[in-house]
Amino acid sequence: MIKPQILEAIKQMPKVEKIEIIEFALRLVREDMETPEFSDCAHAPLNSPPSTHPPSPQTHSEYSLSPYT
């Protein structure tokens, strides 16, 4: 699955399943932050150069998990 497909699948899940996914992802991030390799680049973007412009509203709302968007 690619990112948009994953996010769309999460949007369609019941609230309890969304929370389970979020908790799992948070555990992964915390584990990554404990590794020395991650701490060296914690403030750098992962796969893209830094942006000089703020993201557009469409970028965020497209992947929003909020039921209000």
C-alpha atoms as a PDB file:
ATOM      1  CA  MET A   1       0.000   0.000   0.000  1.00  0.00           C
ATOM      2  CA  ILE A   2       1.075   3.551  -0.593  1.00  0.00           C
ATOM      3  CA  LYS A   3       0.526   6.416   1.835  1.00  0.00           C
ATOM      4  CA  PRO A   4      -2.765   7.750   0.376  1.00  0.00           C
ATOM      5  CA  GLN A   5      -4.247   4.240   0.339  1.00  0.00           C
ATOM      6  CA  ILE A   6      -3.185   3.617   3.927  1.00  0.00           C
ATOM      7  CA  LEU A   7      -4.628   6.918   5.093  1.00  0.00           C
ATOM      8  CA  GLU A   8      -7.881   6.296   3.241  1.00  0.00           C
ATOM      9  CA  ALA A   9      -8.166   2.853   4.835  1.00  0.00           C
ATOM     10  CA  ILE A  10      -7.614   4.393   8.270  1.00  0.00           C
ATOM     11  CA  LYS A  11     -10.294   7.019   7.588  1.00  0.00           C
ATOM     12  CA  GLN A  12     -12.795   4.234   6.966  1.00  0.00           C
ATOM     13  CA  MET A  13     -12.005   2.349  10.200  1.00  0.00           C
ATOM     14  CA  PRO A  14     -14.146   2.551  13.324  1.00  0.00           C
ATOM     15  CA  LYS A  15     -12.798   4.915  15.993  1.00  0.00           C
ATOM     16  CA  VAL A  16     -11.455   2.114  18.200  1.00  0.00           C
ATOM     17  CA  GLU A  17      -9.406   0.671  15.337  1.00  0.00           C
ATOM     18  CA  LYS A  18      -8.067   4.141  14.467  1.00  0.00           C
ATOM     19  CA  ILE A  19      -6.868   4.536  18.052  1.00  0.00           C
ATOM     20  CA  GLU A  20      -5.154   1.140  17.898  1.00  0.00           C
ATOM     21  CA  ILE A  21      -3.369   2.155  14.677  1.00  0.00           C
ATOM     22  CA  ILE A  22      -2.298   5.477  16.184  1.00  0.00           C
ATOM     23  CA  GLU A  23      -0.987   3.774  19.329  1.00  0.00           C
ATOM     24  CA  PHE A  24       0.965   1.272  17.211  1.00  0.00           C
ATOM     25  CA  ALA A  25       2.479   4.029  15.061  1.00  0.00           C
ATOM     26  CA  LEU A  26       3.384   6.035  18.154  1.00  0.00           C
ATOM     27  CA  ARG A  27       5.182   3.001  19.620  1.00  0.00           C
ATOM     28  CA  LEU A  28       7.175   2.657  16.402  1.00  0.00           C
ATOM     29  CA  VAL A  29       8.159   6.326  16.459  1.00  0.00           C
ATOM     30  CA  ARG A  30       9.216   6.110  20.096  1.00  0.00           C
ATOM     31  CA  GLU A  31      11.338   3.049  19.351  1.00  0.00           C
ATOM     32  CA  ASP A  32      12.926   4.853  16.409  1.00  0.00           C
ATOM     33  CA  MET A  33      13.697   7.877  18.557  1.00  0.00           C
ATOM     34  CA  GLU A  34      15.613   5.669  20.986  1.00  0.00           C
ATOM     35  CA  THR A  35      18.026   4.489  18.287  1.00  0.00           C
ATOM     36  CA  PRO A  36      21.207   6.537  17.736  1.00  0.00           C
ATOM     37  CA  GLU A  37      20.675   6.690  13.961  1.00  0.00           C
ATOM     38  CA  PHE A  38      17.326   8.413  14.393  1.00  0.00           C
ATOM     39  CA  SER A  39      18.465  10.913  17.006  1.00  0.00           C
ATOM     40  CA  ASP A  40      21.131  12.234  14.597  1.00  0.00           C
ATOM     41  CA  CYS A  41      18.464  13.232  12.074  1.00  0.00           C
ATOM     42  CA  ALA A  42      15.467  13.832  14.337  1.00  0.00           C
ATOM     43  CA  HIS A  43      15.077  17.419  13.204  1.00  0.00           C
ATOM     44  CA  ALA A  44      15.675  16.824   9.499  1.00  0.00           C
ATOM     45  CA  PRO A  45      13.004  15.887   6.949  1.00  0.00           C
ATOM     46  CA  LEU A  46      13.106  12.191   6.139  1.00  0.00           C
ATOM     47  CA  ASN A  47      12.898  12.079   2.353  1.00  0.00           C
ATOM     48  CA  SER A  48      12.606  15.617   1.114  1.00  0.00           C
ATOM     49  CA  PRO A  49      14.506  18.887   1.197  1.00  0.00           C
ATOM     50  CA  PRO A  50      13.218  21.547   3.590  1.00  0.00           C
ATOM     51  CA  SER A  51      10.334  23.559   2.251  1.00  0.00           C
ATOM     52  CA  THR A  52      10.537  27.333   2.109  1.00  0.00           C
ATOM     53  CA  HIS A  53       6.737  27.632   1.942  1.00  0.00           C
ATOM     54  CA  PRO A  54       4.124  26.426   4.427  1.00  0.00           C
ATOM     55  CA  PRO A  55       2.042  23.484   3.169  1.00  0.00           C
ATOM     56  CA  SER A  56      -1.220  24.342   1.468  1.00  0.00           C
ATOM     57  CA  PRO A  57      -4.519  23.590   3.251  1.00  0.00           C
ATOM     58  CA  GLN A  58      -5.307  20.954   0.594  1.00  0.00           C
ATOM     59  CA  THR A  59      -2.212  18.976   1.599  1.00  0.00           C
ATOM     60  CA  HIS A  60      -3.405  18.601   5.176  1.00  0.00           C
ATOM     61  CA  SER A  61      -7.113  18.110   4.556  1.00  0.00           C
ATOM     62  CA  GLU A  62      -6.457  15.466   1.924  1.00  0.00           C
ATOM     63  CA  TYR A  63      -4.999  13.171   4.591  1.00  0.00           C
ATOM     64  CA  SER A  64      -6.922  14.386   7.593  1.00  0.00           C
ATOM     65  CA  LEU A  65      -8.346  11.718   9.900  1.00  0.00           C
ATOM     66  CA  SER A  66     -10.840  14.162  11.344  1.00  0.00           C
ATOM     67  CA  PRO A  67     -14.491  13.359  10.592  1.00  0.00           C
ATOM     68  CA  TYR A  68     -15.063  17.125  10.259  1.00  0.00           C
ATOM     69  CA  THR A  69     -13.048  17.641   7.082  1.00  0.00           C
END
